[in-house]
């Protein structure tokens, strides 16, 4: 249990978003968080897990059937 706990602003910086996005994740219970009094902290491992779960792998070997955009 040697996890760093990040503030909403720190999570937003890691994700490259505004603070509104991590707050929405918390409100919708889509990410693990800890309440410390009135403060909300998100474990760094939860942010890593969220990124891993939402990473989309590229499609390979099917380029011949994609149309070019002019």
Protein backbone atom coordinates (compact mmCIF):
# COMPACT_ATOMS: atom_id res chain seq x y z
CA UNK A 1 0.00 0.00 0.00
CA UNK A 2 2.69 2.40 -1.06
CA UNK A 3 0.45 4.38 -3.41
CA UNK A 4 0.58 8.12 -4.02
CA UNK A 5 -2.73 9.93 -3.66
CA UNK A 6 -3.35 12.69 -6.19
CA UNK A 7 -5.63 15.70 -6.05
CA UNK A 8 -8.23 16.33 -8.74
CA UNK A 9 -5.97 18.97 -10.31
CA UNK A 10 -3.00 16.57 -10.37
CA UNK A 11 -5.11 13.86 -12.04
CA UNK A 12 -6.32 16.39 -14.61
CA UNK A 13 -2.70 17.27 -15.38
CA UNK A 14 -1.75 13.58 -15.79
CA UNK A 15 -4.71 12.99 -18.12
CA UNK A 16 -4.21 16.26 -19.99
CA UNK A 17 -7.73 17.47 -19.25
CA UNK A 18 -9.44 20.14 -17.20
CA UNK A 19 -10.30 19.43 -13.54
CA UNK A 20 -13.92 18.96 -14.59
CA UNK A 21 -13.21 15.56 -16.19
CA UNK A 22 -11.77 13.81 -13.07
CA UNK A 23 -14.58 15.35 -11.02
CA UNK A 24 -17.10 13.81 -13.42
CA UNK A 25 -15.34 10.43 -13.13
CA UNK A 26 -15.69 10.69 -9.36
CA UNK A 27 -19.34 11.79 -9.48
CA UNK A 28 -20.21 8.90 -11.81
CA UNK A 29 -18.16 6.45 -9.66
CA UNK A 30 -16.04 5.51 -12.68
CA UNK A 31 -12.71 5.78 -10.81
CA UNK A 32 -11.60 4.77 -7.33
CA UNK A 33 -11.21 7.65 -4.91
CA UNK A 34 -10.69 8.33 -1.21
CA UNK A 35 -12.41 11.02 0.84
CA UNK A 36 -10.19 12.61 3.46
CA UNK A 37 -12.52 14.96 5.28
CA UNK A 38 -13.82 17.22 2.55
CA UNK A 39 -10.87 16.50 0.28
CA UNK A 40 -10.94 13.92 -2.50
CA UNK A 41 -7.82 12.00 -3.45
CA UNK A 42 -7.33 9.48 -6.24
CA UNK A 43 -4.73 6.72 -5.93
CA UNK A 44 -2.10 6.87 -8.65
CA UNK A 45 -2.73 3.16 -9.33
CA UNK A 46 -6.40 3.97 -10.07
CA UNK A 47 -5.35 6.57 -12.64
CA UNK A 48 -2.97 4.05 -14.23
CA UNK A 49 -5.74 1.42 -14.29
CA UNK A 50 -8.18 3.90 -15.85
CA UNK A 51 -5.67 4.74 -18.60
CA UNK A 52 -4.97 1.04 -19.24
CA UNK A 53 -8.69 0.15 -19.41
CA UNK A 54 -9.41 2.96 -21.87
CA UNK A 55 -6.40 2.53 -24.14
CA UNK A 56 -7.42 1.59 -27.68
CA UNK A 57 -4.96 -0.46 -29.72
CA UNK A 58 -4.38 0.53 -33.35
CA UNK A 59 -5.73 -1.60 -36.16
CA UNK A 60 -2.93 -3.15 -38.18
CA UNK A 61 -2.86 -4.94 -41.51
CA UNK A 62 -6.14 -3.52 -42.84
CA UNK A 63 -4.91 -0.29 -44.41
CA UNK A 64 -5.78 -1.40 -47.95
CA UNK A 65 -9.46 -1.23 -47.22
CA UNK A 66 -9.43 2.25 -45.68
CA UNK A 67 -10.36 5.08 -48.02
CA UNK A 68 -8.18 8.12 -48.49
CA UNK A 69 -9.58 11.48 -47.50
CA UNK A 70 -9.01 14.22 -50.06
